[in-house]
Amino acid sequence: QGAKVLVVDVNKERGERTVDAILDNDGIASFYLADILNSNECKNVIERVIASYGNLDVLINNVGVSGIGSVTDLDETQYKNVIDTNLSSMVLMSKYAIPRMIENGGGSILNMSSFVALRSGGFGPAIPYALSKAGIMALTQQMCHDHGPDGIRVNCIAPGHIYTPMVENRVDQKLRDLRRKAAPLQTEGTAWDIAWAALFLSSDEARWISGVTLPVDAGLLTASPLSMLDKLTN
């Protein structure tokens, strides 16, 4: 679609795989190694974008780690890491991206949340993860309000049961089938489903859309265990 992409990751091999996937689809992309838990590195990321491509039109905050436990049994070190990684990193990246977008006359920021911010129990007890993802939705709305006058749109995507490498290592085939059957469309989501939604929200076609959280979940949030009982048991 004409975008020039700077892929940022703390894992070089993983980041370069993403770049290769973009190049294989005739896109333009490069890789930058950074830990966006570090404020200075977030600033350096934005400066690298400007140096490489001239301006910054779109920021997609798409970093995340899982975290389990109820409030009574969560690991406090893990809790802090999840909040820092999933939420605080988006604050820091946006902090340095927004001034550059203002210089350019505006831009678009897209934050990745999760359906678990809207429906509890999606992954069992997962206070760190759910809290971080709910915070992303609040961050989205607040930034929309604060920086709309600057010509900056801020939106959010809440993916449903997407099959990703992180899920692949934790979900057996039986649970994978149950996840698929839990949503009315009865199909399994992939990263491409999220990518198409992200493409639209980042595009000029969405120029009048800001402050929204878009569930991309095969209709999962409309369903309940009872409403899907026949599908889940067959």
C-alpha atoms as a PDB file:
ATOM      1  CA  GLN A   1       0.000   0.000   0.000  1.00  0.00           C
ATOM      2  CA  GLY A   2       3.018   2.286  -0.312  1.00  0.00           C
ATOM      3  CA  ALA A   3       4.069   2.473   3.333  1.00  0.00           C
ATOM      4  CA  LYS A   4       7.729   2.517   4.280  1.00  0.00           C
ATOM      5  CA  VAL A   5       8.053   0.482   7.460  1.00  0.00           C
ATOM      6  CA  LEU A   6      10.603   0.545  10.245  1.00  0.00           C
ATOM      7  CA  VAL A   7      10.240  -2.698  12.191  1.00  0.00           C
ATOM      8  CA  VAL A   8      11.416  -2.359  15.793  1.00  0.00           C
ATOM      9  CA  ASP A   9      12.099  -5.345  18.017  1.00  0.00           C
ATOM     10  CA  VAL A  10      14.322  -6.340  20.906  1.00  0.00           C
ATOM     11  CA  ASN A  11      14.851  -9.674  19.116  1.00  0.00           C
ATOM     12  CA  LYS A  12      16.924  -9.236  15.950  1.00  0.00           C
ATOM     13  CA  GLU A  13      16.048 -12.569  14.353  1.00  0.00           C
ATOM     14  CA  ARG A  14      12.320 -12.078  14.879  1.00  0.00           C
ATOM     15  CA  GLY A  15      12.419  -8.509  13.619  1.00  0.00           C
ATOM     16  CA  GLU A  16      14.342  -9.424  10.494  1.00  0.00           C
ATOM     17  CA  ARG A  17      11.830 -12.181   9.731  1.00  0.00           C
ATOM     18  CA  THR A  18       9.109  -9.537   9.755  1.00  0.00           C
ATOM     19  CA  VAL A  19      11.142  -7.338   7.424  1.00  0.00           C
ATOM     20  CA  ASP A  20      11.675 -10.291   5.078  1.00  0.00           C
ATOM     21  CA  ALA A  21       7.921 -10.957   5.019  1.00  0.00           C
ATOM     22  CA  ILE A  22       7.279  -7.342   4.003  1.00  0.00           C
ATOM     23  CA  LEU A  23       9.990  -7.429   1.334  1.00  0.00           C
ATOM     24  CA  ASP A  24       8.640 -10.722  -0.018  1.00  0.00           C
ATOM     25  CA  ASN A  25       5.314  -8.939  -0.572  1.00  0.00           C
ATOM     26  CA  ASP A  26       7.011  -6.126  -2.518  1.00  0.00           C
ATOM     27  CA  GLY A  27       6.974  -3.737   0.428  1.00  0.00           C
ATOM     28  CA  ILE A  28       9.645  -1.389   1.739  1.00  0.00           C
ATOM     29  CA  ALA A  29      11.007  -2.107   5.212  1.00  0.00           C
ATOM     30  CA  SER A  30      14.076  -2.007   7.406  1.00  0.00           C
ATOM     31  CA  PHE A  31      14.889  -3.232  10.901  1.00  0.00           C
ATOM     32  CA  TYR A  32      15.977  -1.361  14.014  1.00  0.00           C
ATOM     33  CA  LEU A  33      17.079  -3.137  17.181  1.00  0.00           C
ATOM     34  CA  ALA A  34      15.747  -1.454  20.318  1.00  0.00           C
ATOM     35  CA  ASP A  35      14.284  -2.091  23.749  1.00  0.00           C
ATOM     36  CA  ILE A  36      11.258   0.184  23.979  1.00  0.00           C
ATOM     37  CA  LEU A  37      11.108  -0.191  27.747  1.00  0.00           C
ATOM     38  CA  ASN A  38      13.946   2.344  27.696  1.00  0.00           C
ATOM     39  CA  SER A  39      12.871   5.936  27.142  1.00  0.00           C
ATOM     40  CA  ASN A  40      16.075   6.945  25.349  1.00  0.00           C
ATOM     41  CA  GLU A  41      15.761   4.030  22.957  1.00  0.00           C
ATOM     42  CA  CYS A  42      12.171   5.032  22.181  1.00  0.00           C
ATOM     43  CA  LYS A  43      13.438   8.500  21.291  1.00  0.00           C
ATOM     44  CA  ASN A  44      16.151   6.957  19.117  1.00  0.00           C
ATOM     45  CA  VAL A  45      13.556   4.857  17.277  1.00  0.00           C
ATOM     46  CA  ILE A  46      11.638   7.963  16.232  1.00  0.00           C
ATOM     47  CA  GLU A  47      14.814   9.742  15.165  1.00  0.00           C
ATOM     48  CA  ARG A  48      15.779   6.692  13.103  1.00  0.00           C
ATOM     49  CA  VAL A  49      12.415   6.807  11.316  1.00  0.00           C
ATOM     50  CA  ILE A  50      12.936  10.463  10.412  1.00  0.00           C
ATOM     51  CA  ALA A  51      16.519   9.825   9.281  1.00  0.00           C
ATOM     52  CA  SER A  52      15.515   6.831   7.160  1.00  0.00           C
ATOM     53  CA  TYR A  53      12.218   7.960   5.655  1.00  0.00           C
ATOM     54  CA  GLY A  54      11.955  11.708   6.170  1.00  0.00           C
ATOM     55  CA  ASN A  55       8.775  11.835   8.253  1.00  0.00           C
ATOM     56  CA  LEU A  56       6.499   9.809  10.522  1.00  0.00           C
ATOM     57  CA  ASP A  57       2.887   9.311   9.452  1.00  0.00           C
ATOM     58  CA  VAL A  58       1.827   6.188  11.354  1.00  0.00           C
ATOM     59  CA  LEU A  59       2.877   4.625  14.652  1.00  0.00           C
ATOM     60  CA  ILE A  60       1.644   1.119  15.408  1.00  0.00           C
ATOM     61  CA  ASN A  61       2.225   0.081  19.017  1.00  0.00           C
ATOM     62  CA  ASN A  62       2.178  -3.690  18.774  1.00  0.00           C
ATOM     63  CA  VAL A  63       4.289  -5.056  21.596  1.00  0.00           C
ATOM     64  CA  GLY A  64       2.971  -7.485  24.176  1.00  0.00           C
ATOM     65  CA  VAL A  65       3.768 -10.255  26.626  1.00  0.00           C
ATOM     66  CA  SER A  66       1.445 -12.471  28.615  1.00  0.00           C
ATOM     67  CA  GLY A  67       0.973 -12.436  32.364  1.00  0.00           C
ATOM     68  CA  ILE A  68      -1.053 -14.728  34.581  1.00  0.00           C
ATOM     69  CA  GLY A  69      -2.434 -14.812  38.101  1.00  0.00           C
ATOM     70  CA  SER A  70      -5.223 -13.340  40.186  1.00  0.00           C
ATOM     71  CA  VAL A  71      -4.572 -10.374  42.474  1.00  0.00           C
ATOM     72  CA  THR A  72      -3.830 -12.744  45.355  1.00  0.00           C
ATOM     73  CA  ASP A  73      -1.309 -15.003  43.643  1.00  0.00           C
ATOM     74  CA  LEU A  74       0.311 -12.967  40.871  1.00  0.00           C
ATOM     75  CA  ASP A  75       4.071 -12.620  40.725  1.00  0.00           C
ATOM     76  CA  GLU A  76       4.890  -8.969  41.393  1.00  0.00           C
ATOM     77  CA  THR A  77       7.999  -8.954  39.204  1.00  0.00           C
ATOM     78  CA  GLN A  78       6.048 -10.405  36.304  1.00  0.00           C
ATOM     79  CA  TYR A  79       3.225  -7.946  36.947  1.00  0.00           C
ATOM     80  CA  LYS A  80       5.554  -4.955  36.647  1.00  0.00           C
ATOM     81  CA  ASN A  81       7.162  -6.338  33.499  1.00  0.00           C
ATOM     82  CA  VAL A  82       3.787  -6.890  31.818  1.00  0.00           C
ATOM     83  CA  ILE A  83       2.565  -3.374  32.632  1.00  0.00           C
ATOM     84  CA  ASP A  84       5.852  -1.839  31.484  1.00  0.00           C
ATOM     85  CA  THR A  85       5.990  -3.878  28.279  1.00  0.00           C
ATOM     86  CA  ASN A  86       2.354  -3.782  27.220  1.00  0.00           C
ATOM     87  CA  LEU A  87       1.326  -0.318  28.385  1.00  0.00           C
ATOM     88  CA  SER A  88       4.195   1.934  29.432  1.00  0.00           C
ATOM     89  CA  SER A  89       6.090   1.243  26.205  1.00  0.00           C
ATOM     90  CA  MET A  90       3.156   2.666  24.234  1.00  0.00           C
ATOM     91  CA  VAL A  91       3.197   5.790  26.379  1.00  0.00           C
ATOM     92  CA  LEU A  92       6.915   6.267  25.748  1.00  0.00           C
ATOM     93  CA  MET A  93       6.754   5.617  22.008  1.00  0.00           C
ATOM     94  CA  SER A  94       3.822   7.993  21.646  1.00  0.00           C
ATOM     95  CA  LYS A  95       5.585  10.627  23.752  1.00  0.00           C
ATOM     96  CA  TYR A  96       8.346  10.932  21.179  1.00  0.00           C
ATOM     97  CA  ALA A  97       6.261  10.215  18.079  1.00  0.00           C
ATOM     98  CA  ILE A  98       3.583  12.859  18.608  1.00  0.00           C
ATOM     99  CA  PRO A  99       5.846  15.954  18.428  1.00  0.00           C
ATOM    100  CA  ARG A 100       7.234  14.685  15.118  1.00  0.00           C
ATOM    101  CA  MET A 101       3.734  14.047  13.805  1.00  0.00           C
ATOM    102  CA  ILE A 102       2.700  17.560  14.804  1.00  0.00           C
ATOM    103  CA  GLU A 103       5.642  18.949  12.808  1.00  0.00           C
ATOM    104  CA  ASN A 104       4.346  16.963   9.824  1.00  0.00           C
ATOM    105  CA  GLY A 105       0.769  18.222  10.164  1.00  0.00           C
ATOM    106  CA  GLY A 106      -0.708  15.162  11.877  1.00  0.00           C
ATOM    107  CA  GLY A 107      -0.637  11.391  11.814  1.00  0.00           C
ATOM    108  CA  SER A 108      -2.176   8.177  13.043  1.00  0.00           C
ATOM    109  CA  ILE A 109      -1.408   6.062  16.105  1.00  0.00           C
ATOM    110  CA  LEU A 110      -2.765   2.545  16.439  1.00  0.00           C
ATOM    111  CA  ASN A 111      -2.539   0.601  19.708  1.00  0.00           C
ATOM    112  CA  MET A 112      -2.993  -3.154  20.034  1.00  0.00           C
ATOM    113  CA  SER A 113      -5.123  -4.272  22.971  1.00  0.00           C
ATOM    114  CA  SER A 114      -7.082  -7.534  23.396  1.00  0.00           C
ATOM    115  CA  PHE A 115     -10.606  -8.827  23.819  1.00  0.00           C
ATOM    116  CA  VAL A 116      -9.685  -9.746  27.404  1.00  0.00           C
ATOM    117  CA  ALA A 117      -9.916  -6.046  28.261  1.00  0.00           C
ATOM    118  CA  LEU A 118     -13.632  -6.284  27.449  1.00  0.00           C
ATOM    119  CA  ARG A 119     -14.411  -9.842  28.545  1.00  0.00           C
ATOM    120  CA  SER A 120     -12.905 -11.321  31.712  1.00  0.00           C
ATOM    121  CA  GLY A 121     -11.722 -14.900  31.872  1.00  0.00           C
ATOM    122  CA  GLY A 122     -10.459 -15.080  28.311  1.00  0.00           C
ATOM    123  CA  PHE A 123      -7.221 -16.719  29.418  1.00  0.00           C
ATOM    124  CA  GLY A 124      -8.122 -17.735  32.973  1.00  0.00           C
ATOM    125  CA  PRO A 125      -6.738 -15.631  35.848  1.00  0.00           C
ATOM    126  CA  ALA A 126      -4.595 -13.036  34.074  1.00  0.00           C
ATOM    127  CA  ILE A 127      -4.721  -9.786  36.020  1.00  0.00           C
ATOM    128  CA  PRO A 128      -1.412  -8.382  34.674  1.00  0.00           C
ATOM    129  CA  TYR A 129      -2.363  -9.008  31.045  1.00  0.00           C
ATOM    130  CA  ALA A 130      -5.997  -7.908  31.298  1.00  0.00           C
ATOM    131  CA  LEU A 131      -5.131  -4.755  33.235  1.00  0.00           C
ATOM    132  CA  SER A 132      -2.443  -3.756  30.755  1.00  0.00           C
ATOM    133  CA  LYS A 133      -4.783  -4.285  27.802  1.00  0.00           C
ATOM    134  CA  ALA A 134      -7.594  -2.296  29.435  1.00  0.00           C
ATOM    135  CA  GLY A 135      -5.119   0.482  30.109  1.00  0.00           C
ATOM    136  CA  ILE A 136      -4.303   0.586  26.400  1.00  0.00           C
ATOM    137  CA  MET A 137      -7.948   1.336  25.626  1.00  0.00           C
ATOM    138  CA  ALA A 138      -7.976   4.192  28.147  1.00  0.00           C
ATOM    139  CA  LEU A 139      -4.693   5.479  26.752  1.00  0.00           C
ATOM    140  CA  THR A 140      -6.181   5.450  23.260  1.00  0.00           C
ATOM    141  CA  GLN A 141      -9.171   7.549  24.229  1.00  0.00           C
ATOM    142  CA  GLN A 142      -7.144  10.024  26.257  1.00  0.00           C
ATOM    143  CA  MET A 143      -4.579  10.543  23.499  1.00  0.00           C
ATOM    144  CA  CYS A 144      -7.408  10.930  20.981  1.00  0.00           C
ATOM    145  CA  HIS A 145      -8.846  13.739  23.102  1.00  0.00           C
ATOM    146  CA  ASP A 146      -5.509  15.391  23.816  1.00  0.00           C
ATOM    147  CA  HIS A 147      -4.014  15.328  20.326  1.00  0.00           C
ATOM    148  CA  GLY A 148      -6.990  15.403  17.986  1.00  0.00           C
ATOM    149  CA  PRO A 149      -6.560  19.192  17.666  1.00  0.00           C
ATOM    150  CA  ASP A 150      -3.039  18.456  16.396  1.00  0.00           C
ATOM    151  CA  GLY A 151      -4.444  16.392  13.536  1.00  0.00           C
ATOM    152  CA  ILE A 152      -3.495  13.091  15.155  1.00  0.00           C
ATOM    153  CA  ARG A 153      -5.913  10.175  15.122  1.00  0.00           C
ATOM    154  CA  VAL A 154      -5.550   7.492  17.797  1.00  0.00           C
ATOM    155  CA  ASN A 155      -7.331   4.149  17.575  1.00  0.00           C
ATOM    156  CA  CYS A 156      -7.129   0.686  19.056  1.00  0.00           C
ATOM    157  CA  ILE A 157      -7.663  -2.905  17.906  1.00  0.00           C
ATOM    158  CA  ALA A 158      -8.855  -5.629  20.287  1.00  0.00           C
ATOM    159  CA  PRO A 159      -7.960  -8.975  18.681  1.00  0.00           C
ATOM    160  CA  GLY A 160      -9.847 -12.126  19.591  1.00  0.00           C
ATOM    161  CA  HIS A 161      -8.444 -15.657  19.548  1.00  0.00           C
ATOM    162  CA  ILE A 162      -5.672 -15.137  17.018  1.00  0.00           C
ATOM    163  CA  TYR A 163      -3.312 -18.018  16.296  1.00  0.00           C
ATOM    164  CA  THR A 164       0.179 -16.631  16.810  1.00  0.00           C
ATOM    165  CA  PRO A 165       3.615 -18.083  17.645  1.00  0.00           C
ATOM    166  CA  MET A 166       3.003 -17.179  21.309  1.00  0.00           C
ATOM    167  CA  VAL A 167      -0.236 -19.185  21.255  1.00  0.00           C
ATOM    168  CA  GLU A 168       1.311 -22.045  19.299  1.00  0.00           C
ATOM    169  CA  ASN A 169       3.663 -22.815  22.170  1.00  0.00           C
ATOM    170  CA  ARG A 170       0.860 -22.894  24.767  1.00  0.00           C
ATOM    171  CA  VAL A 171      -2.251 -24.324  23.111  1.00  0.00           C
ATOM    172  CA  ASP A 172      -2.861 -27.931  22.111  1.00  0.00           C
ATOM    173  CA  GLN A 173      -5.150 -28.892  19.234  1.00  0.00           C
ATOM    174  CA  LYS A 174      -8.145 -29.517  21.498  1.00  0.00           C
ATOM    175  CA  LEU A 175      -7.970 -26.044  23.033  1.00  0.00           C
ATOM    176  CA  ARG A 176      -7.297 -24.554  19.628  1.00  0.00           C
ATOM    177  CA  ASP A 177     -10.543 -26.072  18.348  1.00  0.00           C
ATOM    178  CA  LEU A 178     -12.455 -24.762  21.376  1.00  0.00           C
ATOM    179  CA  ARG A 179     -11.104 -21.272  20.806  1.00  0.00           C
ATOM    180  CA  ARG A 180     -12.301 -21.403  17.218  1.00  0.00           C
ATOM    181  CA  LYS A 181     -15.749 -22.675  18.184  1.00  0.00           C
ATOM    182  CA  ALA A 182     -16.236 -20.001  20.861  1.00  0.00           C
ATOM    183  CA  ALA A 183     -16.949 -17.274  18.270  1.00  0.00           C
ATOM    184  CA  PRO A 184     -19.998 -17.140  15.968  1.00  0.00           C
ATOM    185  CA  LEU A 185     -17.965 -17.174  12.735  1.00  0.00           C
ATOM    186  CA  GLN A 186     -16.395 -20.500  13.807  1.00  0.00           C
ATOM    187  CA  THR A 187     -13.102 -19.665  12.106  1.00  0.00           C
ATOM    188  CA  GLU A 188      -9.602 -19.135  13.451  1.00  0.00           C
ATOM    189  CA  GLY A 189      -8.027 -15.718  13.151  1.00  0.00           C
ATOM    190  CA  THR A 190      -4.533 -15.042  11.857  1.00  0.00           C
ATOM    191  CA  ALA A 191      -2.193 -12.076  11.934  1.00  0.00           C
ATOM    192  CA  TRP A 192      -3.471 -11.113   8.483  1.00  0.00           C
ATOM    193  CA  ASP A 193      -6.948 -10.479   9.900  1.00  0.00           C
ATOM    194  CA  ILE A 194      -5.464  -7.959  12.299  1.00  0.00           C
ATOM    195  CA  ALA A 195      -3.224  -6.494   9.609  1.00  0.00           C
ATOM    196  CA  TRP A 196      -6.147  -5.681   7.299  1.00  0.00           C
ATOM    197  CA  ALA A 197      -7.953  -3.879  10.128  1.00  0.00           C
ATOM    198  CA  ALA A 198      -4.759  -2.012  11.000  1.00  0.00           C
ATOM    199  CA  LEU A 199      -4.286  -1.021   7.373  1.00  0.00           C
ATOM    200  CA  PHE A 200      -7.752   0.506   7.228  1.00  0.00           C
ATOM    201  CA  LEU A 201      -7.508   2.384  10.528  1.00  0.00           C
ATOM    202  CA  SER A 202      -4.108   3.763   9.529  1.00  0.00           C
ATOM    203  CA  SER A 203      -5.260   4.856   6.075  1.00  0.00           C
ATOM    204  CA  ASP A 204      -6.782   8.083   4.787  1.00  0.00           C
ATOM    205  CA  GLU A 205     -10.067   6.209   4.313  1.00  0.00           C
ATOM    206  CA  ALA A 206     -10.369   6.256   8.123  1.00  0.00           C
ATOM    207  CA  ARG A 207      -9.640   9.981   8.340  1.00  0.00           C
ATOM    208  CA  TRP A 208     -12.743  10.669  10.474  1.00  0.00           C
ATOM    209  CA  ILE A 209     -12.289   7.734  12.850  1.00  0.00           C
ATOM    210  CA  SER A 210     -10.498   8.368  16.132  1.00  0.00           C
ATOM    211  CA  GLY A 211     -10.764   7.190  19.720  1.00  0.00           C
ATOM    212  CA  VAL A 212     -12.348   3.840  18.874  1.00  0.00           C
ATOM    213  CA  THR A 213     -11.509   0.297  19.898  1.00  0.00           C
ATOM    214  CA  LEU A 214     -12.290  -2.125  17.082  1.00  0.00           C
ATOM    215  CA  PRO A 215     -12.802  -5.763  18.108  1.00  0.00           C
ATOM    216  CA  VAL A 216     -11.439  -8.108  15.436  1.00  0.00           C
ATOM    217  CA  ASP A 217     -12.673 -11.335  16.950  1.00  0.00           C
ATOM    218  CA  ALA A 218     -15.043 -13.294  14.660  1.00  0.00           C
ATOM    219  CA  GLY A 219     -17.912 -11.982  16.789  1.00  0.00           C
ATOM    220  CA  LEU A 220     -16.556 -13.438  20.030  1.00  0.00           C
ATOM    221  CA  LEU A 221     -17.743 -10.549  22.202  1.00  0.00           C
ATOM    222  CA  THR A 222     -21.353 -11.101  21.130  1.00  0.00           C
ATOM    223  CA  ALA A 223     -21.336 -14.689  22.366  1.00  0.00           C
ATOM    224  CA  SER A 224     -21.607 -16.369  25.757  1.00  0.00           C
ATOM    225  CA  PRO A 225     -20.712 -19.935  26.751  1.00  0.00           C
ATOM    226  CA  LEU A 226     -24.411 -20.816  26.802  1.00  0.00           C
ATOM    227  CA  SER A 227     -25.117 -19.308  23.394  1.00  0.00           C
ATOM    228  CA  MET A 228     -22.274 -21.328  21.872  1.00  0.00           C
ATOM    229  CA  LEU A 229     -22.832 -24.484  23.929  1.00  0.00           C
ATOM    230  CA  ASP A 230     -23.903 -26.676  21.013  1.00  0.00           C
ATOM    231  CA  LYS A 231     -20.826 -25.657  19.008  1.00  0.00           C
ATOM    232  CA  LEU A 232     -18.446 -26.140  21.913  1.00  0.00           C
ATOM    233  CA  THR A 233     -19.723 -29.622  22.733  1.00  0.00           C
ATOM    234  CA  ASN A 234     -19.795 -30.969  19.165  1.00  0.00           C
END
